Protein backbone atom coordinates (compact mmCIF):
# COMPACT_ATOMS: atom_id res chain seq x y z
CA MET A 1 -36.35 59.30 24.30
CA ARG A 2 -37.08 56.90 21.54
CA SER A 3 -33.88 57.69 19.65
CA GLY A 4 -31.78 57.11 22.79
CA ARG A 5 -33.22 53.64 23.27
CA ASN A 6 -32.71 52.80 19.60
CA THR A 7 -29.10 53.97 19.83
CA LYS A 8 -28.48 51.76 22.88
CA THR A 9 -30.17 48.83 21.12
CA ASN A 10 -28.10 49.40 17.98
CA ILE A 11 -24.87 49.59 19.99
CA THR A 12 -25.80 46.40 21.88
CA ASN A 13 -26.57 44.63 18.59
CA VAL A 14 -23.24 45.79 17.12
CA HIS A 15 -21.42 44.45 20.19
CA ARG A 16 -23.23 41.11 19.92
CA ARG A 17 -22.46 40.80 16.21
CA SER A 18 -18.83 41.75 16.84
CA SER A 19 -18.58 39.15 19.59
CA VAL A 20 -20.11 36.47 17.38
CA LEU A 21 -17.78 37.40 14.52
CA LEU A 22 -14.77 37.37 16.85
CA VAL A 23 -15.67 33.96 18.26
CA GLY A 24 -16.25 32.66 14.74
CA LEU A 25 -12.93 34.02 13.56
CA LEU A 26 -11.06 32.53 16.52
CA THR A 27 -12.79 29.19 15.95
CA LEU A 28 -11.82 29.29 12.29
CA ILE A 29 -8.19 30.11 13.12
CA ALA A 30 -7.99 27.39 15.79
CA GLY A 31 -9.68 24.87 13.50
CA ASN A 32 -7.29 25.63 10.66
CA ASP A 33 -4.34 25.31 13.04
CA LEU A 34 -5.58 21.93 14.22
CA LEU A 35 -6.21 20.74 10.68
CA SER A 36 -2.81 21.88 9.48
CA SER A 37 -0.96 20.33 12.43
CA SER A 38 -2.76 17.00 12.19
CA GLY A 39 -3.11 17.08 8.41
CA LEU A 40 0.66 17.04 7.92
CA ALA A 41 1.13 13.57 9.36
CA GLY A 42 0.57 10.48 7.24
CA GLU A 43 -2.40 8.74 8.85
CA PHE A 44 -3.28 5.06 8.32
CA LEU A 45 -6.35 3.24 9.64
CA PHE A 46 -6.18 -0.36 10.88
CA VAL A 47 -9.29 -2.28 11.98
CA ALA A 48 -9.32 -5.46 14.09
CA HIS A 49 -11.71 -8.24 13.18
CA ASP A 50 -12.39 -11.70 14.54
CA VAL A 51 -11.89 -14.70 12.27
CA GLU A 52 -12.70 -18.38 12.60
CA GLY A 53 -11.19 -20.49 15.34
CA ASP A 54 -11.03 -17.77 18.02
CA ALA A 55 -8.35 -15.98 15.96
CA ALA A 56 -8.16 -12.33 14.96
CA ALA A 57 -6.55 -10.25 12.24
CA TRP A 58 -6.00 -6.61 11.40
CA SER A 59 -6.98 -5.09 8.10
CA PRO A 60 -6.07 -3.96 5.58
CA ARG A 61 -3.86 -6.92 4.69
CA GLU A 62 -1.23 -4.64 3.18
CA VAL A 63 -0.42 -0.97 3.69
CA VAL A 64 2.01 0.98 1.52
CA ILE A 65 3.68 4.01 3.06
CA HIS A 66 5.52 6.36 0.71
CA LYS A 67 8.54 8.00 2.34
CA SER A 68 8.44 10.83 -0.17
CA THR A 69 4.91 11.95 0.76
CA ASP A 70 3.53 10.16 3.83
CA LEU A 71 6.30 10.86 6.35
CA ASP A 72 6.67 14.64 6.00
CA GLY A 73 4.74 15.56 9.16
CA GLY A 74 5.13 12.28 11.01
CA LEU A 75 3.28 9.00 10.91
CA ILE A 76 0.06 8.21 12.78
CA PHE A 77 -1.59 4.79 13.03
CA VAL A 78 -5.27 4.81 13.95
CA LEU A 79 -6.18 1.48 15.53
CA GLU A 80 -9.89 0.68 15.67
CA ASN A 81 -11.39 -2.28 17.52
CA PRO A 82 -15.12 -2.76 16.81
CA THR A 83 -15.06 -6.32 18.25
CA PRO A 84 -16.28 -7.37 21.72
CA ARG A 85 -12.79 -8.37 22.94
CA THR A 86 -9.39 -6.72 23.43
CA HIS A 87 -6.83 -7.00 20.64
CA VAL A 88 -3.17 -6.09 20.34
CA PHE A 89 -1.54 -4.38 17.39
CA GLU A 90 2.04 -5.58 17.22
CA ALA A 91 4.51 -4.65 14.48
CA PRO A 92 8.03 -5.94 15.15
CA GLY A 93 10.56 -3.51 13.73
CA LEU A 94 8.37 -0.44 14.23
CA PHE A 95 8.46 1.83 17.26
CA GLU A 96 5.86 3.99 18.99
CA GLN A 97 7.00 7.55 19.65
CA ILE A 98 5.92 8.75 23.08
CA VAL A 99 6.09 12.41 24.09
CA GLU A 100 5.66 13.16 27.78
CA GLY A 101 5.89 16.81 28.68
CA PRO A 102 8.93 18.86 27.68
CA GLU A 103 11.26 15.85 27.66
CA ALA A 104 12.68 14.38 24.47
CA PRO A 105 10.43 11.77 22.84
CA ILE A 106 11.12 8.14 23.66
CA ALA A 107 10.54 5.16 21.40
CA LYS A 108 9.33 1.72 22.41
CA PRO A 109 8.57 -1.35 20.29
CA LEU A 110 5.12 -1.00 18.71
CA ARG A 111 2.76 -3.19 20.74
CA VAL A 112 -0.56 -1.52 21.61
CA TYR A 113 -3.59 -2.95 23.42
CA VAL A 114 -6.92 -1.80 21.99
CA ALA A 115 -10.00 -2.41 24.15
CA PRO A 116 -13.42 -3.35 22.69
CA GLY A 117 -15.02 -0.40 20.92
CA GLU A 118 -11.91 1.72 21.34
CA THR A 119 -9.99 3.74 18.75
CA VAL A 120 -6.36 4.56 19.55
CA HIS A 121 -4.07 7.03 17.75
CA ILE A 122 -0.38 6.08 17.82
CA ARG A 123 2.52 8.20 16.62
CA VAL A 124 5.09 5.96 14.93
CA SER A 125 8.78 6.86 15.13
CA THR A 126 9.88 7.76 11.61
CA GLU A 127 13.48 7.97 12.79
CA HIS A 128 13.44 4.29 13.76
CA LEU A 129 11.43 3.44 10.65
CA ASN A 130 14.23 4.78 8.49
CA SER A 131 16.98 2.96 10.38
CA GLU A 132 15.58 -0.28 11.82
CA LEU A 133 14.01 -2.08 8.86
CA GLU A 134 16.08 -3.81 6.21
CA THR A 135 15.56 -2.74 2.61
CA ASP A 136 15.19 -4.92 -0.46
CA VAL A 137 16.82 -4.22 -3.84
CA SER A 138 14.11 -1.67 -4.73
CA GLY A 139 14.73 0.25 -1.51
CA ALA A 140 11.43 -0.89 0.04
CA GLN A 141 11.16 -1.97 3.65
CA THR A 142 8.64 -4.53 4.87
CA CYS A 143 7.39 -5.44 8.33
CA GLN A 144 4.47 -7.52 9.52
CA PHE A 145 1.71 -6.64 11.96
CA PHE A 146 -0.70 -8.94 13.80
CA CYS A 147 -2.62 -9.62 17.02
CA PRO A 148 -0.42 -11.90 19.17
CA LEU A 149 -3.30 -12.52 21.62
CA HIS A 150 -5.40 -14.29 19.01
CA GLY A 151 -2.96 -16.03 16.68
CA ASP A 152 0.30 -14.89 15.20
CA GLU A 153 0.61 -17.49 12.43
CA ASP A 154 1.56 -16.27 8.96
CA ALA A 155 -2.01 -16.53 7.62
CA LEU A 156 -3.15 -13.87 10.14
CA ARG A 157 -0.24 -11.50 9.57
CA SER A 158 -0.54 -8.40 7.44
CA LYS A 159 2.22 -6.29 5.89
CA ILE A 160 3.41 -2.73 5.95
CA ARG A 161 5.60 -1.78 3.00
CA VAL A 162 7.59 1.41 3.19
CA VAL A 163 8.68 2.53 -0.26
CA PRO A 164 10.98 5.41 -1.30
């Protein structure tokens, strides 16, 4: 009798271990797939902050995007608002790429509201990026970004430079 119970216990343990290994393997595969699909896009973090006189600005003050390396899998802007009020991230000349279901992506001018404490991920249209912005003699493109709700004067504007 004893050997029969041990055999059943051993088989049950083998099944449990196999199940755990299978779940672990599937998790690893899914995790790698997620990392590879999101890791291909160039991702840039922007953080809103309040400044004197009820104004606001986004940082960093300048971002450099390299076409040769940062645009391969797309372009993602991560907009973080740790302040107690809503801010807008506006970048004239850039376009947000919106995918809704099986339809072709649409692009709209990049103007995104970010609520207090919120972090928003925005896919930027690289197609429009390559065609909409004027280039200087070096081939670089420059656009500004700012919060139009809390001051859009030059001192509060930051730059995005897209270089070859």
